[in-house]
Amino acid sequence: MVFDFTSMAENKTYNRIKAVLAEKGRTNIWLAEELGKNKTTVSKWCTNDVQPPIETLFKIADVLEVDVRELLVSNVKKG
């Protein structure tokens, strides 16, 4: 049996890639081209259907010129 640990629970948001792209005025197609990735793969990251590997998350941060932490949803609940 094979498990896909990159796929997360439905309706759960783990990353902010789509939001950061919007803040930067960029599209997921642009990001796919910059990273040399399939646009469908990047689209799945943007909709949180699948999460990118941690190494790729760092590459995304570099391309978008942001701190990698800006690409993640905080796990700390606000008070």
Foldseek 3Di string as FASTA:
>chain_A
DDDDPQFDDPPDAWWQLLVLCVVLVHDLVVVCVVVVHDSVVSVCCNVSRGPDPPVVLVVSCVVSVHDSVNTTDDPDDDD
